[in-house]
Amino acid sequence: MLTNTIEIRVRYAETDQMKRVYYPKYLEYFELGRAHLLRDYGIPYSEMESRLEVVWYRTLIFNSV
């Protein structure tokens, strides 16, 4: 299994009134991570299988990294 880590700062526009990340934004973060992973490992994007496996660690809040 390939792994990769990137930092994404949570912007205010991505949160709800409780300053928690609005759930559809997580998929955008995952896609950004996948793009970085493929680039770092030199894998063409067209070869990546469209499969999403999520491991939930914690809820993100405004201005967290």
Protein backbone atom coordinates (compact mmCIF):
# COMPACT_ATOMS: atom_id res chain seq x y z
CA MET A 1 0.00 0.00 0.00
CA LEU A 2 1.31 3.44 -0.91
CA THR A 3 1.12 6.18 1.68
CA ASN A 4 1.66 9.92 1.62
CA THR A 5 1.07 12.86 3.93
CA ILE A 6 0.28 16.47 3.00
CA GLU A 7 -0.81 19.44 5.09
CA ILE A 8 -3.95 21.36 4.15
CA ARG A 9 -5.00 24.36 6.23
CA VAL A 10 -8.75 24.46 6.82
CA ARG A 11 -10.25 27.70 5.51
CA TYR A 12 -13.23 29.41 7.08
CA ALA A 13 -15.32 28.95 3.91
CA GLU A 14 -14.98 25.15 4.30
CA THR A 15 -16.64 25.07 7.71
CA ASP A 16 -20.15 25.16 9.13
CA GLN A 17 -21.43 27.44 11.91
CA MET A 18 -19.70 25.28 14.53
CA LYS A 19 -16.41 25.74 12.65
CA ARG A 20 -16.32 22.04 11.73
CA VAL A 21 -15.35 21.07 8.18
CA TYR A 22 -18.45 20.50 6.07
CA TYR A 23 -18.39 16.79 5.22
CA PRO A 24 -18.23 17.01 1.37
CA LYS A 25 -14.98 18.95 1.72
CA TYR A 26 -13.24 15.82 3.00
CA LEU A 27 -13.58 14.26 -0.46
CA GLU A 28 -11.87 17.30 -1.99
CA TYR A 29 -9.04 16.90 0.54
CA PHE A 30 -8.78 13.20 -0.35
CA GLU A 31 -8.57 14.02 -4.04
CA LEU A 32 -5.83 16.57 -3.40
CA GLY A 33 -3.95 13.94 -1.39
CA ARG A 34 -4.35 11.37 -4.14
CA ALA A 35 -2.98 13.77 -6.75
CA HIS A 36 0.07 14.45 -4.56
CA LEU A 37 0.58 10.73 -3.92
CA LEU A 38 0.51 9.87 -7.60
CA ARG A 39 2.91 12.68 -8.46
CA ASP A 40 5.32 11.71 -5.64
CA TYR A 41 5.38 8.06 -6.77
CA GLY A 42 5.51 8.88 -10.50
CA ILE A 43 2.24 7.10 -11.26
CA PRO A 44 0.16 8.45 -14.18
CA TYR A 45 -3.25 9.60 -12.99
CA SER A 46 -4.94 7.45 -15.65
CA GLU A 47 -3.59 4.29 -13.98
CA MET A 48 -5.17 4.98 -10.59
CA GLU A 49 -8.21 2.90 -9.79
CA SER A 50 -11.18 4.97 -8.59
CA ARG A 51 -11.47 3.56 -5.11
CA LEU A 52 -11.86 5.44 -1.85
CA GLU A 53 -10.91 3.96 1.50
CA VAL A 54 -11.30 6.31 4.46
CA VAL A 55 -9.68 6.08 7.89
CA TRP A 56 -11.26 8.64 10.22
CA TYR A 57 -8.94 10.10 12.86
CA ARG A 58 -10.72 13.23 14.05
CA THR A 59 -13.05 16.02 13.00
CA LEU A 60 -11.31 19.02 11.47
CA ILE A 61 -12.01 22.52 12.72
CA PHE A 62 -11.35 25.99 11.31
CA ASN A 63 -7.66 26.92 10.94
CA SER A 64 -6.42 23.43 11.83
CA VAL A 65 -3.73 21.73 9.77
